[in-house]
Protein backbone atom coordinates (compact mmCIF):
# COMPACT_ATOMS: atom_id res chain seq x y z
CA MET A 1 -0.09 0.15 0.05
CA VAL A 2 1.07 3.57 -0.85
CA GLY A 3 2.20 5.61 2.22
CA VAL A 4 0.82 8.76 2.55
CA VAL A 5 3.22 11.62 3.75
CA ARG A 6 1.30 14.89 4.75
CA ARG A 7 3.10 17.49 3.00
CA SER A 8 3.83 14.68 0.13
CA LEU A 9 0.49 15.35 -0.96
CA VAL A 10 0.62 18.61 -1.61
CA LEU A 11 3.97 19.38 -3.00
CA GLY A 12 5.27 16.02 -4.18
CA GLY A 13 3.13 12.81 -6.32
CA ALA A 14 -0.53 15.08 -5.35
CA ALA A 15 -1.98 17.41 -8.16
CA GLY A 16 -2.58 20.13 -5.33
CA PHE A 17 -4.07 23.15 -6.88
CA VAL A 18 -4.20 26.20 -4.72
CA SER A 19 -5.61 29.08 -5.00
CA LEU A 20 -5.03 32.49 -2.56
CA ALA A 21 -5.34 36.02 -3.08
CA CYS A 22 -5.66 39.32 -0.63
CA PRO A 23 -7.59 42.33 -1.41
CA GLN A 24 -5.98 45.60 -0.77
CA ILE A 25 -7.74 45.90 2.70
CA ILE A 26 -5.49 43.22 4.27
CA ARG A 27 -2.31 44.19 2.51
CA ALA A 28 -2.43 47.79 3.33
CA GLN A 29 -2.52 47.24 6.92
CA THR A 30 0.78 47.70 8.66
CA ASP A 31 -0.42 46.73 12.70
CA GLN A 32 -0.62 42.73 12.94
CA GLN A 33 -4.24 42.14 13.14
CA SER A 34 -5.17 39.58 15.40
CA HIS A 35 -7.46 36.74 14.72
CA PHE A 36 -9.31 33.59 16.62
CA PHE A 37 -10.12 30.33 15.28
CA ALA A 38 -14.20 30.24 14.47
CA GLY A 39 -14.20 26.71 13.15
CA CYS A 40 -14.43 24.09 10.50
CA TYR A 41 -17.61 23.90 9.01
CA TYR A 42 -19.49 21.80 6.10
CA ASP A 43 -23.03 22.43 4.72
CA THR A 44 -25.50 20.29 6.23
CA ALA A 45 -27.61 19.84 3.30
CA LEU A 46 -24.99 17.23 2.74
CA SER A 47 -26.55 13.01 2.48
CA GLU A 48 -25.10 11.04 5.41
CA ALA A 49 -24.66 8.43 2.45
CA SER A 50 -21.91 10.44 0.50
CA HIS A 51 -18.86 10.01 0.53
CA ALA A 52 -18.08 12.84 2.68
CA ALA A 53 -20.35 12.02 5.06
CA LYS A 54 -19.14 8.28 5.40
CA PHE A 55 -15.29 8.64 5.47
CA LEU A 56 -14.55 12.04 7.05
CA LEU A 57 -17.46 13.37 9.27
CA ALA A 58 -19.04 10.30 11.04
CA PRO A 59 -15.40 9.40 12.16
CA VAL A 60 -14.42 12.21 12.92
CA ARG A 61 -17.59 12.66 15.19
CA SER A 62 -17.59 9.96 16.45
CA GLY A 63 -13.99 9.62 17.56
CA PHE A 64 -14.93 13.13 19.11
CA ASN A 65 -18.01 12.13 20.39
CA LEU A 66 -20.44 14.90 18.55
CA ASP A 67 -23.44 15.15 17.18
CA LYS A 68 -24.36 16.44 13.87
CA SER A 69 -24.33 20.14 13.73
CA GLY A 70 -22.05 21.32 10.31
CA ALA A 71 -19.26 21.59 12.54
CA GLU A 72 -17.77 18.30 13.44
CA LEU A 73 -14.73 18.92 11.87
CA THR A 74 -13.99 21.66 14.68
CA PRO A 75 -11.69 19.57 16.83
CA PHE A 76 -9.64 17.90 14.39
CA ALA A 77 -9.13 21.16 12.36
CA LYS A 78 -8.74 22.94 15.36
CA ASP A 79 -5.91 21.05 16.75
CA ILE A 80 -3.99 21.12 13.06
CA VAL A 81 -4.44 24.95 13.28
CA PHE A 82 -3.04 25.28 16.56
CA LYS A 83 -0.15 23.14 16.23
CA ASN A 84 1.09 25.33 13.15
CA ASN A 85 3.24 27.73 15.28
CA ASP A 86 4.36 29.51 12.22
CA PHE A 87 0.35 30.15 10.95
CA CYS A 88 -0.39 31.31 14.80
CA LYS A 89 2.46 33.69 14.85
CA GLN A 90 1.69 34.96 11.49
CA ALA A 91 -1.98 35.41 12.16
CA ASN A 92 -1.21 37.10 15.77
CA LEU A 93 -4.09 33.85 16.30
CA ASN A 94 -5.31 34.07 20.12
CA THR A 95 -5.69 30.59 20.99
CA LYS A 96 -7.58 31.13 24.29
CA GLU A 97 -10.68 33.71 23.56
CA ASP A 98 -12.57 34.91 20.23
CA LEU A 99 -10.75 37.97 20.26
CA GLY A 100 -10.10 39.99 16.50
CA ASN A 101 -11.46 38.70 13.21
CA PRO A 102 -12.59 35.05 12.89
CA VAL A 103 -10.59 32.67 10.69
CA ALA A 104 -12.63 29.70 9.45
CA ILE A 105 -12.05 26.89 7.38
CA SER A 106 -14.70 24.85 4.97
CA LEU A 107 -14.62 21.40 3.74
CA THR A 108 -16.58 21.97 -0.06
CA ARG A 109 -15.81 18.53 -1.69
CA ALA A 110 -14.53 14.92 0.03
CA GLN A 111 -14.65 12.11 -2.67
CA HIS A 112 -12.97 9.27 -4.16
CA GLU A 113 -13.39 7.04 -7.59
CA ILE A 114 -11.55 3.87 -7.90
CA ILE A 115 -10.26 2.53 -11.25
CA THR A 116 -9.00 -0.99 -12.11
CA VAL A 117 -6.23 -1.55 -13.63
CA ALA A 118 -5.74 -5.01 -15.67
CA THR A 119 -2.42 -6.00 -16.98
CA PRO A 120 -2.18 -9.80 -18.58
CA GLY A 121 0.21 -11.75 -16.19
CA LEU A 122 0.24 -9.51 -13.60
CA PRO A 123 -2.24 -8.68 -10.05
CA THR A 124 -4.99 -6.61 -10.94
CA GLU A 125 -4.19 -3.27 -9.31
CA TYR A 126 -6.60 -0.87 -7.48
CA LEU A 127 -6.06 3.19 -8.23
CA THR A 128 -7.99 5.01 -5.83
CA VAL A 129 -8.09 8.75 -6.04
CA ILE A 130 -9.12 10.54 -3.19
CA SER A 131 -9.85 14.07 -4.12
CA VAL A 132 -10.79 16.53 -1.09
CA THR A 133 -11.49 20.69 -1.45
CA ALA A 134 -11.25 22.96 1.49
CA ALA A 135 -11.40 27.01 1.73
CA LEU A 136 -10.08 29.47 4.70
CA ASP A 137 -11.77 32.85 5.17
CA VAL A 138 -10.40 35.42 6.99
CA MET A 139 -13.78 37.40 7.82
CA THR A 140 -14.83 40.56 9.68
CA ASP A 141 -18.26 41.45 11.43
CA LYS A 142 -17.41 45.24 10.69
CA ALA A 143 -17.31 45.70 7.16
CA ALA A 144 -14.70 47.93 5.76
CA PHE A 145 -16.15 51.79 5.40
CA ARG A 146 -19.09 51.06 6.34
CA ASN A 147 -21.17 51.41 9.79
CA ASN A 148 -23.13 48.53 9.37
CA SER A 149 -21.91 45.35 10.99
CA ARG A 150 -22.00 42.67 8.42
CA PHE A 151 -19.49 39.36 7.79
CA GLU A 152 -17.16 40.36 4.91
CA SER A 153 -14.55 37.87 3.27
CA LEU A 154 -11.32 40.07 3.65
CA TYR A 155 -9.85 36.93 1.90
CA CYS A 156 -10.36 33.36 0.87
CA ASN A 157 -8.23 30.40 -0.14
CA MET A 158 -9.41 27.66 -1.52
CA ILE A 159 -7.12 24.32 -1.85
CA VAL A 160 -7.91 21.02 -4.35
CA VAL A 161 -6.01 18.29 -3.18
CA ASN A 162 -5.84 14.70 -5.43
CA GLN A 163 -4.49 11.55 -3.67
CA VAL A 164 -3.76 8.68 -5.53
CA VAL A 165 -3.56 5.61 -4.31
CA GLN A 166 -2.51 2.17 -5.91
CA THR A 167 -2.78 -1.09 -4.02
CA ARG A 168 -3.49 -5.02 -4.86
CA ASN A 169 -6.69 -5.02 -3.56
CA LYS A 170 -9.34 -2.43 -2.88
CA LEU A 171 -9.21 -0.43 0.11
CA SER A 172 -11.55 -1.22 3.20
CA ASP A 173 -13.86 1.42 4.93
CA ALA A 174 -11.24 1.78 7.36
CA ASP A 175 -8.37 2.28 5.18
CA LEU A 176 -10.46 4.73 3.34
CA GLN A 177 -11.32 6.94 6.42
CA LYS A 178 -7.74 7.01 7.20
CA TYR A 179 -6.96 8.57 3.86
CA TYR A 180 -9.62 11.14 4.17
CA GLN A 181 -8.53 12.78 7.19
CA LYS A 182 -4.85 12.22 5.86
CA VAL A 183 -5.48 14.28 2.56
CA PHE A 184 -7.96 16.75 4.55
CA ALA A 185 -5.48 17.23 7.20
CA ALA A 186 -2.63 18.03 4.13
CA GLY A 187 -4.94 20.24 2.72
CA VAL A 188 -5.46 22.17 5.93
CA ASP A 189 -1.78 22.30 6.31
CA GLU A 190 -1.26 23.64 2.70
CA LEU A 191 -4.26 26.43 3.14
CA LEU A 192 -2.21 27.53 6.03
CA LEU A 193 0.87 27.69 4.81
CA ARG A 194 -0.12 29.87 2.17
CA ALA A 195 -2.08 32.14 4.41
CA GLY A 196 0.21 32.79 6.82
CA LYS A 197 2.85 34.15 4.17
CA LYS A 198 -0.20 36.55 2.64
CA LEU A 199 -0.88 38.04 5.77
CA VAL A 200 2.71 39.11 6.62
CA ASP A 201 2.48 40.85 3.06
CA LYS A 202 2.75 44.24 2.89
CA ARG A 203 2.82 45.61 -0.11
CA GLU A 204 1.68 49.49 -1.33
CA ARG A 205 -1.29 50.46 -2.83
CA ALA A 206 -2.12 48.42 -5.75
CA LYS A 207 -2.56 50.57 -9.12
CA ALA A 208 -5.55 48.06 -10.46
CA VAL A 209 -7.59 45.45 -8.42
CA PHE A 210 -8.84 42.78 -10.98
CA GLN A 211 -11.03 39.84 -10.28
CA VAL A 212 -11.71 36.03 -11.88
CA LYS A 213 -15.41 36.31 -11.94
CA ASN A 214 -16.66 33.37 -13.81
CA MET A 215 -15.07 30.03 -15.73
CA VAL A 216 -18.14 28.88 -18.09
CA LEU A 217 -18.13 25.31 -19.09
CA PRO A 218 -18.77 23.77 -22.45
CA ASP A 219 -22.35 23.06 -23.51
CA PRO A 220 -22.53 20.41 -24.25
CA LEU A 221 -19.87 18.81 -21.57
CA PRO A 222 -17.38 17.30 -23.19
CA GLU A 223 -17.12 13.56 -21.95
CA ASP A 224 -14.14 14.33 -19.21
CA LEU A 225 -15.62 17.32 -18.02
CA ALA A 226 -19.46 14.97 -18.02
CA ASN A 227 -17.53 12.36 -15.59
CA LEU A 228 -16.00 14.44 -13.39
CA ILE A 229 -19.49 15.87 -13.31
CA THR A 230 -21.10 12.76 -12.77
CA ASN A 231 -18.38 11.70 -10.38
CA GLY A 232 -19.22 14.45 -8.32
CA ILE A 233 -22.75 13.84 -8.36
CA GLU A 234 -22.63 10.06 -7.71
CA ALA A 235 -19.76 10.69 -4.34
CA SER A 236 -22.47 13.40 -2.85
CA SER A 237 -25.42 10.83 -3.09
CA ASP A 238 -27.48 13.90 -4.23
CA ASN A 239 -30.38 12.53 -5.87
CA SER A 240 -32.34 16.07 -5.84
CA GLN A 241 -33.26 17.79 -9.50
CA GLU A 242 -30.50 20.46 -8.52
CA ALA A 243 -27.78 18.21 -8.45
CA LYS A 244 -26.13 18.77 -11.61
CA ALA A 245 -26.40 22.53 -11.45
CA ASN A 246 -24.84 22.34 -7.72
CA GLU A 247 -22.37 20.38 -9.20
CA LEU A 248 -21.35 22.48 -11.91
CA LYS A 249 -21.00 25.51 -9.79
CA LYS A 250 -19.15 23.73 -7.79
CA LEU A 251 -16.49 22.77 -10.23
CA SER A 252 -16.62 26.15 -11.93
CA ARG A 253 -15.76 27.83 -8.72
CA GLU A 254 -12.69 25.54 -8.14
CA LEU A 255 -11.60 26.03 -11.60
CA GLN A 256 -11.83 29.82 -10.87
CA HIS A 257 -9.73 29.16 -7.70
CA ILE A 258 -7.13 27.57 -9.55
CA TYR A 259 -6.80 29.94 -12.46
CA SER A 260 -6.68 32.96 -10.05
CA LEU A 261 -3.67 31.32 -8.40
CA MET A 262 -2.16 30.81 -11.51
CA ILE A 263 -2.40 34.52 -12.58
CA LEU A 264 -0.97 35.19 -8.73
CA ASP A 265 2.23 32.66 -9.40
CA ALA A 266 2.07 34.95 -12.79
CA LEU A 267 2.48 37.91 -11.74
CA ASP A 268 4.73 37.07 -8.76
CA LYS A 269 7.70 35.33 -11.51
CA GLN A 270 7.70 38.81 -13.21
CA ASN A 271 8.13 40.21 -9.71
CA ILE A 272 4.53 42.93 -10.41
CA LYS A 273 4.05 43.99 -6.99
CA ASP A 274 1.73 46.52 -7.81
CA ILE A 275 -1.59 44.60 -8.93
CA ALA A 276 -4.00 43.19 -6.33
CA ILE A 277 -5.75 39.99 -7.50
CA LEU A 278 -9.05 39.30 -5.50
CA PRO A 279 -10.30 36.41 -4.59
CA PRO A 280 -13.03 34.52 -6.61
CA GLU A 281 -16.62 34.34 -5.16
CA SER A 282 -16.18 32.52 -1.48
CA PRO A 283 -17.87 29.24 -0.43
CA TRP A 284 -19.37 31.01 2.33
CA THR A 285 -22.26 32.18 0.14
CA GLU A 286 -23.32 28.64 0.02
CA GLY A 287 -25.28 26.55 2.45
CA ARG A 288 -25.81 27.25 6.04
CA VAL A 289 -22.16 27.98 7.13
CA VAL A 290 -22.70 31.58 7.90
CA ARG A 291 -25.90 30.75 9.64
CA LEU A 292 -23.61 28.55 11.82
CA LEU A 293 -20.64 30.92 12.08
CA ARG A 294 -23.80 33.42 13.38
CA GLU A 295 -24.84 31.53 16.10
CA ARG A 296 -20.99 30.34 17.25
CA LEU A 297 -20.56 34.59 17.64
CA GLY A 298 -23.93 35.62 18.63
CA MET A 299 -24.50 37.64 15.96
CA SER A 300 -27.80 38.98 13.91
CA VAL A 301 -26.64 39.54 10.13
CA ASP A 302 -28.29 38.86 7.16
CA LEU A 303 -25.79 39.34 4.65
CA VAL A 304 -22.22 38.04 3.19
CA SER A 305 -20.56 40.65 1.29
CA GLN A 306 -17.45 39.30 -1.17
CA ALA A 307 -15.40 42.08 -2.33
CA ASP A 308 -16.29 43.01 -5.88
CA ALA A 309 -13.66 44.58 -8.32
CA SER A 310 -16.18 46.04 -10.28
CA LYS A 311 -17.28 48.40 -7.38
CA MET A 312 -13.97 49.14 -6.19
CA ASN A 313 -13.09 50.94 -10.00
CA GLY A 314 -11.50 47.64 -10.82
CA TYR A 315 -11.92 45.01 -13.66
CA GLU A 316 -13.36 41.82 -14.46
CA ILE A 317 -11.29 38.33 -15.54
CA ARG A 318 -13.49 36.44 -17.38
CA ALA A 319 -12.66 32.87 -18.76
CA GLY A 320 -13.71 29.15 -19.87
CA VAL A 321 -12.77 26.25 -20.96
CA THR A 322 -13.09 26.16 -24.52
CA LYS A 323 -12.37 22.84 -25.49
CA VAL A 324 -11.55 19.28 -23.87
CA SER A 325 -10.84 16.51 -26.25
CA ARG A 326 -8.28 12.94 -25.79
CA THR A 327 -5.52 12.24 -28.33
CA LYS A 328 -3.25 9.29 -28.65
CA ALA A 329 0.05 8.47 -29.75
CA GLY A 330 1.32 5.29 -29.14
CA ALA A 331 1.14 3.79 -25.75
CA ASN A 332 0.23 7.43 -24.49
CA SER A 333 -2.90 9.20 -24.53
CA GLN A 334 -3.54 12.50 -23.18
CA VAL A 335 -6.46 14.80 -22.19
CA ASP A 336 -6.24 18.44 -24.13
CA VAL A 337 -7.99 21.29 -22.55
CA THR A 338 -7.98 24.68 -23.83
CA MET A 339 -9.12 27.37 -21.50
CA ALA A 340 -9.77 31.31 -23.32
CA SER A 341 -9.70 34.74 -20.93
CA ARG A 342 -10.48 38.65 -21.35
CA ILE A 343 -10.73 41.38 -19.23
CA VAL A 344 -13.62 43.73 -18.88
CA ARG A 345 -14.98 46.87 -17.09
CA ASN A 346 -18.36 47.32 -16.02
CA ALA A 347 -18.76 50.33 -16.50
CA ASP A 348 -22.64 51.38 -15.31
CA GLY A 349 -24.04 48.33 -16.67
CA LYS A 350 -21.70 48.50 -19.82
CA LEU A 351 -18.78 46.17 -20.78
CA GLU A 352 -15.52 47.72 -21.86
CA HIS A 353 -13.22 45.26 -22.78
CA THR A 354 -9.40 46.42 -22.28
CA PRO A 355 -7.02 47.06 -22.45
CA ALA A 356 -7.83 50.07 -24.56
CA SER A 357 -4.87 50.37 -26.61
CA ILE A 358 -5.67 47.37 -28.34
CA LYS A 359 -8.04 47.89 -30.98
CA ASP A 360 -8.98 44.25 -32.42
CA PRO A 361 -11.03 42.02 -29.74
CA LEU A 362 -9.66 38.83 -30.65
CA LYS A 363 -6.33 39.98 -29.82
CA LYS A 364 -7.50 41.01 -26.07
CA VAL A 365 -8.18 37.10 -25.63
CA ALA A 366 -5.42 35.15 -23.90
CA ALA A 367 -5.76 31.58 -24.96
CA ALA A 368 -3.49 28.50 -23.98
CA SER A 369 -3.56 24.39 -23.75
CA GLY A 370 -2.97 22.13 -21.55
CA ALA A 371 -2.30 18.21 -21.30
CA ARG A 372 -1.73 15.77 -18.94
CA ARG A 373 -0.54 12.00 -20.28
CA TYR A 374 -1.48 8.68 -19.12
CA VAL A 375 -0.36 5.30 -20.69
CA GLU A 376 -2.83 2.95 -21.94
CA LEU A 377 -2.41 0.06 -24.42
CA PRO A 378 -5.28 -2.40 -25.54
CA ASP A 379 -4.29 -4.82 -22.68
CA PHE A 380 -3.28 -2.27 -19.78
CA LYS A 381 -6.90 -0.61 -19.58
CA ARG A 382 -6.12 2.32 -16.98
CA GLY A 383 -8.80 5.17 -17.15
CA VAL A 384 -8.79 8.40 -17.13
CA THR A 385 -9.16 9.39 -13.19
CA ARG A 386 -10.08 13.28 -11.69
CA ASP A 387 -6.08 13.80 -10.94
CA ILE A 388 -5.64 13.70 -15.15
CA THR A 389 -8.52 15.63 -16.07
CA MET A 390 -7.71 17.98 -13.58
CA GLY A 391 -3.80 18.27 -14.56
CA SER A 392 -4.53 19.25 -17.69
CA ILE A 393 -7.13 21.99 -16.68
CA ARG A 394 -4.30 23.30 -14.26
CA GLU A 395 -1.76 23.48 -17.24
CA ALA A 396 -3.91 25.32 -19.34
CA ALA A 397 -5.00 27.76 -16.62
CA ARG A 398 -1.07 28.21 -16.05
CA GLY A 399 -1.02 29.06 -20.17
CA THR A 400 -3.81 31.50 -19.93
CA ALA A 401 -2.39 33.30 -17.09
CA LEU A 402 1.05 33.77 -18.50
CA ALA A 403 -0.77 35.14 -21.57
CA LEU A 404 -3.14 37.56 -19.60
CA VAL A 405 -0.33 39.48 -17.71
CA PRO A 406 0.60 41.57 -20.57
CA PHE A 407 -3.46 42.55 -20.52
CA ILE A 408 -3.14 43.11 -16.80
CA LYS A 409 -0.18 45.22 -17.49
CA ALA A 410 -1.67 47.07 -19.65
CA THR A 411 -4.87 47.97 -18.63
CA ALA A 412 -3.33 48.74 -15.26
CA SER A 413 -1.45 51.19 -17.00
CA GLU A 414 -4.65 52.58 -18.57
CA PHE A 415 -6.48 53.50 -15.21
């Protein structure tokens, strides 16, 4: 059985995708802000028959002798958070009382798929791909520059972790529970690592503000994207009529965060320090997470606000997956993904495509393709797992982000 080491899940063999962005309100602060850990939450509408409930929530609930509340993961996550001395120091995290801005973690996906690998003359092997998506929010109960109290996300950080476990026998439920906890813990560790660095980031005022606002998926869905949606629905045991729409929204949001990370990485590699990238839509806008946090803090507020670039004289980054296909050359097959993106400014309901210095609308579009290879022969059946498709999307997002940077720089100079 393949061993799982917490750090190697994200930085080694696993396909780890992270998105982190801090609005100017955080970056401009010179005094260290205090924070407290408010808890770890999930949408309690999640079916008890889902993979997340069966292999992650229920075992933790049982281990800590807790009832179902939507916050059962809090003791498990709190232990990880408080053991991370660097994050506690960087975030000025109060471990004894609720002082400062609330820091909260949310679980938005936990599922797995099993692929049978059959090769003549060799024992059958099984690839179990465990996928966990978690997010970290730093929030405030006093919205910046406003007199009313309401929750507002100061920044949101989301990570998608895919861990492949290769075994000769299918994993037992006890094995799956162990791996789910380790993959989730790895995701939380990486969230804290990335967030801690940004909390101490003291950049100067940004020239312009950009935000990834959407991620359009092809309609009809290509086979490999359709498989992601189908697997997600099956893992969630969601039999409602809205199941497909919910999973499409979840996948689109994950891809927004992946693309946002790639833009941040591209800007950092070019040492561009005067452009701010706001986080995509926060997962706090879904489910009962906000209600649970309100009850936890004893507040009566009804509104969650996510920073919006269009309301800050900023710009929207609009993106979409335009093509997904498969190619094969000998023993090597691959999933090819093409992504495209452009920048717009919403001026009184009218969209202006930028940069204005480029007159041809078609030349304002950044596009790139990415691929992830895998081996498959007539007598060696592997199949396309989630990590392969997501890996192709990640590479397409990386290339598209690099192509978009010149447009971001040109747009910022016109601001």
